[in-house]
Amino acid sequence: IAKKMVQSLATIPHVTHFEEIDVTAVMDLKKQLKAMDPDNKRGMNVSVAAFFVKAIQIALKDFPIFNAKLDEEKEVIRLEKNVNIGIATDSDEGLIVPVISHVEQRNVRDIAHDMKDKITRAKTNKLKGSDLTGGTFTISNVGPLGSIAATPIINHPEVALMAFHKTKKTPVVVGNDIVIRSMMNVSMSFDHRVADGATAVMFT
């Protein structure tokens, strides 16, 4: 892991873009789904991170440059056909990144189930090699730990990584009214050889 991080920083010109996002609607939706299935018998009690994973996959349809890999020897950018999102996970063994494959073919409930399973196995050192390969984009959900901002290191040879930070209720202006909304910071690190800042801002 340490060697890969050094390779990433030494090779990729990192740029990190920060944004503040109103996540009130998705938080309300999560509560509604949980109320419909309080015992989670239908798997409706899904993590907010699963919604983020699906949202990224949808956004990548419009911005496929961030679902790509740079072939440095041939100087070619290769757009990936599938969206395989790595989930940066803290474990007793250090940082592990299990991969949720073919996100474009899956619904939020299925993504949530797969995420929970792989994060649990990552923390108990029970992942297979196939669970750790093929990623095309990585996320880091550090909000539950209290993080408010970061400059994440890209998972080479991918070209982008997005970190989701702490969500907090904040007074904001909507129209002419001051209302309480659930606001969250995100950090989007990208390879400046592959994409420019304007594209990263629009994607985020």
Protein backbone atom coordinates (compact mmCIF):
# COMPACT_ATOMS: atom_id res chain seq x y z
CA ILE A 1 0.00 0.00 0.00
CA ALA A 2 2.80 2.41 0.93
CA LYS A 3 4.65 1.73 -2.35
CA LYS A 4 1.47 2.31 -4.34
CA MET A 5 0.79 5.63 -2.59
CA VAL A 6 4.33 6.84 -3.29
CA GLN A 7 3.97 5.75 -6.93
CA SER A 8 0.65 7.60 -7.21
CA LEU A 9 1.98 10.86 -5.77
CA ALA A 10 5.23 10.66 -7.73
CA THR A 11 3.44 9.92 -11.02
CA ILE A 12 0.12 11.76 -10.94
CA PRO A 13 -0.20 15.56 -10.77
CA HIS A 14 -2.96 15.66 -8.17
CA VAL A 15 -5.52 18.43 -8.00
CA THR A 16 -8.30 18.40 -5.38
CA HIS A 17 -11.59 20.23 -5.82
CA PHE A 18 -13.88 20.86 -2.83
CA GLU A 19 -17.63 21.21 -2.89
CA GLU A 20 -20.47 21.56 -0.38
CA ILE A 21 -23.53 19.45 -1.18
CA ASP A 22 -27.08 19.53 0.17
CA VAL A 23 -27.90 15.90 1.03
CA THR A 24 -31.18 16.58 2.83
CA ALA A 25 -33.28 14.77 0.21
CA VAL A 26 -31.22 11.57 0.27
CA MET A 27 -31.18 11.55 4.09
CA ASP A 28 -34.98 11.89 4.10
CA LEU A 29 -35.29 9.10 1.52
CA LYS A 30 -33.14 6.81 3.66
CA LYS A 31 -35.46 7.44 6.63
CA GLN A 32 -38.55 6.74 4.51
CA LEU A 33 -37.14 3.44 3.24
CA LYS A 34 -36.19 2.37 6.77
CA ALA A 35 -39.71 3.19 8.02
CA MET A 36 -41.19 1.00 5.25
CA ASP A 37 -39.02 -1.93 6.31
CA PRO A 38 -38.14 -1.47 10.03
CA ASP A 39 -36.78 -5.01 10.44
CA ASN A 40 -34.85 -4.79 7.14
CA LYS A 41 -36.49 -8.00 5.89
CA ARG A 42 -36.58 -6.58 2.35
CA GLY A 43 -33.14 -4.97 2.59
CA MET A 44 -34.57 -1.44 2.40
CA ASN A 45 -32.39 -0.07 5.23
CA VAL A 46 -29.51 0.96 2.99
CA SER A 47 -26.48 3.11 3.79
CA VAL A 48 -26.26 6.64 2.45
CA ALA A 49 -22.92 5.65 0.89
CA ALA A 50 -24.78 3.26 -1.43
CA PHE A 51 -26.69 6.23 -2.84
CA PHE A 52 -23.38 8.05 -3.35
CA VAL A 53 -21.96 5.07 -5.26
CA LYS A 54 -24.98 4.98 -7.58
CA ALA A 55 -24.93 8.76 -8.03
CA ILE A 56 -21.27 8.61 -9.10
CA GLN A 57 -22.04 5.86 -11.62
CA ILE A 58 -24.83 7.95 -13.15
CA ALA A 59 -22.61 11.05 -13.28
CA LEU A 60 -19.86 9.03 -14.98
CA LYS A 61 -22.19 8.50 -17.94
CA ASP A 62 -21.85 12.22 -18.66
CA PHE A 63 -18.19 12.43 -17.58
CA PRO A 64 -16.58 9.12 -18.67
CA ILE A 65 -13.13 10.73 -18.52
CA PHE A 66 -13.15 10.02 -14.77
CA ASN A 67 -13.87 6.32 -15.37
CA ALA A 68 -10.65 5.82 -17.25
CA LYS A 69 -7.02 4.79 -16.99
CA LEU A 70 -3.99 6.47 -18.52
CA ASP A 71 -1.62 4.21 -20.45
CA GLU A 72 1.52 6.20 -19.74
CA GLU A 73 3.78 4.23 -22.10
CA LYS A 74 1.48 4.61 -25.12
CA GLU A 75 0.18 8.01 -24.00
CA VAL A 76 -3.42 6.88 -24.46
CA ILE A 77 -6.43 7.45 -22.23
CA ARG A 78 -8.56 4.30 -22.09
CA LEU A 79 -12.19 4.78 -21.13
CA GLU A 80 -13.53 1.85 -19.10
CA LYS A 81 -16.73 0.11 -20.26
CA ASN A 82 -17.85 -0.88 -16.76
CA VAL A 83 -18.07 1.16 -13.57
CA ASN A 84 -16.29 -0.69 -10.75
CA ILE A 85 -16.11 1.46 -7.64
CA GLY A 86 -13.53 0.83 -4.94
CA ILE A 87 -14.52 1.51 -1.34
CA ALA A 88 -11.58 2.72 0.76
CA THR A 89 -11.90 0.77 4.01
CA ASP A 90 -9.99 1.09 7.27
CA SER A 91 -9.03 -2.26 8.81
CA ASP A 92 -6.62 -3.62 11.42
CA GLU A 93 -4.32 -4.48 8.50
CA GLY A 94 -4.41 -0.90 7.20
CA LEU A 95 -6.15 0.61 4.17
CA ILE A 96 -7.97 -1.92 1.98
CA VAL A 97 -10.04 -1.11 -1.14
CA PRO A 98 -12.65 -3.78 -1.99
CA VAL A 99 -14.40 -3.21 -5.31
CA ILE A 100 -18.13 -3.06 -6.09
CA SER A 101 -18.26 -4.34 -9.68
CA HIS A 102 -20.66 -3.47 -12.51
CA VAL A 103 -22.40 -0.69 -10.58
CA GLU A 104 -24.15 0.36 -13.81
CA GLN A 105 -26.13 -2.92 -13.71
CA ARG A 106 -27.16 -2.73 -10.04
CA ASN A 107 -29.73 -0.93 -7.91
CA VAL A 108 -29.01 0.88 -4.65
CA ARG A 109 -30.26 -1.99 -2.48
CA ASP A 110 -27.94 -4.49 -4.21
CA ILE A 111 -25.02 -2.06 -3.97
CA ALA A 112 -25.67 -1.56 -0.25
CA HIS A 113 -25.75 -5.32 0.39
CA ASP A 114 -22.48 -5.88 -1.52
CA MET A 115 -20.80 -2.93 0.22
CA LYS A 116 -21.76 -4.18 3.68
CA ASP A 117 -20.54 -7.68 2.90
CA LYS A 118 -17.18 -6.58 1.48
CA ILE A 119 -16.49 -3.98 4.18
CA THR A 120 -17.24 -6.62 6.84
CA ARG A 121 -14.91 -9.11 5.16
CA ALA A 122 -12.25 -6.42 4.72
CA LYS A 123 -12.30 -5.73 8.47
CA THR A 124 -12.02 -9.47 9.25
CA ASN A 125 -9.33 -10.16 6.62
CA LYS A 126 -11.59 -12.51 4.63
CA LEU A 127 -11.53 -10.85 1.21
CA LYS A 128 -10.52 -12.77 -1.90
CA GLY A 129 -8.05 -11.42 -4.43
CA SER A 130 -10.89 -10.94 -6.91
CA ASP A 131 -12.61 -8.60 -4.43
CA LEU A 132 -9.69 -6.16 -4.69
CA THR A 133 -9.12 -5.91 -8.44
CA GLY A 134 -10.66 -4.16 -11.42
CA GLY A 135 -11.55 -0.83 -9.79
CA THR A 136 -12.15 2.14 -12.11
CA PHE A 137 -13.03 4.85 -9.54
CA THR A 138 -12.60 5.00 -5.76
CA ILE A 139 -14.59 6.62 -2.96
CA SER A 140 -13.64 7.27 0.65
CA ASN A 141 -16.54 7.72 3.09
CA VAL A 142 -14.78 9.37 6.03
CA GLY A 143 -17.72 11.43 7.26
CA PRO A 144 -18.68 8.97 10.02
CA LEU A 145 -15.21 9.54 11.51
CA GLY A 146 -15.82 13.29 11.67
CA SER A 147 -13.67 14.46 8.75
CA ILE A 148 -14.59 17.82 7.18
CA ALA A 149 -12.03 17.97 4.33
CA ALA A 150 -9.05 16.13 2.84
CA THR A 151 -6.82 15.87 -0.23
CA PRO A 152 -7.13 12.14 -1.08
CA ILE A 153 -4.43 10.24 -2.95
CA ILE A 154 -5.68 8.70 -6.20
CA ASN A 155 -5.68 4.92 -6.44
CA HIS A 156 -3.21 4.56 -9.35
CA PRO A 157 -3.83 3.81 -12.26
CA GLU A 158 -7.31 5.28 -11.80
CA VAL A 159 -7.74 8.98 -12.56
CA ALA A 160 -10.03 10.17 -9.75
CA LEU A 161 -11.13 9.63 -6.16
CA MET A 162 -13.97 11.27 -4.25
CA ALA A 163 -14.12 11.54 -0.45
CA PHE A 164 -17.37 12.14 1.42
CA HIS A 165 -17.04 14.05 4.67
CA LYS A 166 -19.10 14.81 7.75
CA THR A 167 -22.78 15.70 7.27
CA LYS A 168 -24.13 18.38 9.60
CA LYS A 169 -27.32 20.37 9.89
CA THR A 170 -26.65 23.94 8.81
CA PRO A 171 -28.80 27.06 8.30
CA VAL A 172 -28.79 27.91 4.59
CA VAL A 173 -30.64 30.38 2.39
CA VAL A 174 -33.21 28.78 0.06
CA GLY A 175 -34.93 31.45 -2.00
CA ASN A 176 -35.52 34.21 0.54
CA ASP A 177 -35.83 31.90 3.54
CA ILE A 178 -33.30 30.59 6.04
CA VAL A 179 -33.86 26.86 6.53
CA ILE A 180 -32.00 23.98 8.18
CA ARG A 181 -30.46 21.57 5.68
CA SER A 182 -28.13 18.58 5.90
CA MET A 183 -24.90 19.73 4.27
CA MET A 184 -21.84 17.65 3.40
CA ASN A 185 -18.40 18.48 2.05
CA VAL A 186 -16.83 16.39 -0.70
CA SER A 187 -13.23 16.27 -1.96
CA MET A 188 -12.61 15.30 -5.57
CA SER A 189 -8.97 14.48 -6.43
CA PHE A 190 -8.19 13.98 -10.11
CA ASP A 191 -5.29 13.42 -12.48
CA HIS A 192 -4.62 16.77 -14.15
CA ARG A 193 -2.94 15.04 -17.09
CA VAL A 194 -6.27 13.43 -17.98
CA ALA A 195 -8.89 16.03 -17.04
CA ASP A 196 -9.03 19.74 -16.34
CA GLY A 197 -10.46 21.63 -13.40
CA ALA A 198 -13.63 22.81 -15.12
CA THR A 199 -14.59 19.23 -15.98
CA ALA A 200 -13.95 18.11 -12.38
CA VAL A 201 -16.13 20.92 -11.02
CA MET A 202 -18.99 20.05 -13.38
CA PHE A 203 -18.73 16.35 -12.50
CA THR A 204 -18.73 17.03 -8.77
